[in-house]
Amino acid sequence: MPYEYRYQVTRHGERVGSVTAEYHGRAIWTIDHPEFVDPGEPRTIERLDEALYAAGFEIMPDDSEA
């Protein structure tokens, strides 16, 4: 149960990745887009969110696996 939050990453309305994360903790992501620059360690949702926003990506809850 450590990774209980799921998100999708989009760019211009197209899904380009997914994220699973702990609440204010570590995150695991897979993002397949040439303009994405991985923020590296520590791999947290907060660092990822900052990097995505700066590059014009959007992150939102993923309801597709509910």
Protein backbone atom coordinates (compact mmCIF):
# COMPACT_ATOMS: atom_id res chain seq x y z
CA MET A 1 0.00 0.00 0.00
CA PRO A 2 2.89 2.51 -0.03
CA TYR A 3 2.11 3.75 -3.56
CA GLU A 4 -1.57 4.54 -3.28
CA TYR A 5 -1.94 7.60 -5.54
CA ARG A 6 -2.05 7.26 -9.32
CA TYR A 7 -1.69 10.09 -11.81
CA GLN A 8 -1.56 10.53 -15.56
CA VAL A 9 0.76 12.93 -17.34
CA THR A 10 -0.43 14.73 -20.48
CA ARG A 11 1.04 17.11 -23.02
CA HIS A 12 -1.33 19.02 -25.35
CA GLY A 13 -4.16 16.70 -24.30
CA GLU A 14 -2.28 13.48 -25.15
CA ARG A 15 -1.41 11.02 -22.40
CA VAL A 16 2.37 10.61 -22.31
CA GLY A 17 2.97 8.96 -18.95
CA SER A 18 1.86 7.70 -15.58
CA VAL A 19 2.90 8.15 -11.97
CA THR A 20 2.33 6.20 -8.77
CA ALA A 21 3.18 8.03 -5.55
CA GLU A 22 3.05 8.00 -1.80
CA TYR A 23 1.45 10.90 0.05
CA HIS A 24 4.31 13.43 0.30
CA GLY A 25 6.80 10.67 -0.43
CA ARG A 26 8.57 8.76 -3.16
CA ALA A 27 7.13 8.44 -6.62
CA ILE A 28 7.66 6.13 -9.58
CA TRP A 29 7.05 7.51 -13.06
CA THR A 30 7.20 6.52 -16.69
CA ILE A 31 7.02 9.45 -19.12
CA ASP A 32 7.66 8.94 -22.82
CA HIS A 33 8.06 12.37 -24.40
CA PRO A 34 11.21 13.93 -25.90
CA GLU A 35 10.69 17.25 -24.04
CA PHE A 36 10.50 15.64 -20.60
CA VAL A 37 13.64 16.13 -18.51
CA ASP A 38 13.78 13.76 -15.56
CA PRO A 39 14.41 15.75 -12.34
CA GLY A 40 16.37 12.83 -10.84
CA GLU A 41 16.76 12.10 -7.14
CA PRO A 42 15.02 12.39 -4.82
CA ARG A 43 12.17 10.92 -6.84
CA THR A 44 9.23 12.67 -5.18
CA ILE A 45 5.90 13.84 -6.58
CA GLU A 46 6.75 17.41 -5.57
CA ARG A 47 9.97 17.49 -7.66
CA LEU A 48 8.23 15.80 -10.58
CA ASP A 49 5.32 18.24 -10.43
CA GLU A 50 7.69 21.23 -10.59
CA ALA A 51 9.59 19.76 -13.57
CA LEU A 52 6.38 18.91 -15.45
CA TYR A 53 4.82 22.33 -14.89
CA ALA A 54 8.00 24.12 -16.04
CA ALA A 55 8.01 22.10 -19.28
CA GLY A 56 4.31 22.57 -20.07
CA PHE A 57 3.04 19.14 -19.03
CA GLU A 58 -0.05 18.51 -16.92
CA ILE A 59 -0.47 15.97 -14.14
CA MET A 60 -3.88 14.88 -12.91
CA PRO A 61 -5.47 11.99 -11.03
CA ASP A 62 -5.72 8.81 -13.08
CA ASP A 63 -9.21 7.38 -12.83
CA SER A 64 -8.72 4.83 -15.61
CA GLU A 65 -7.64 2.04 -13.25
CA ALA A 66 -10.38 2.53 -10.68
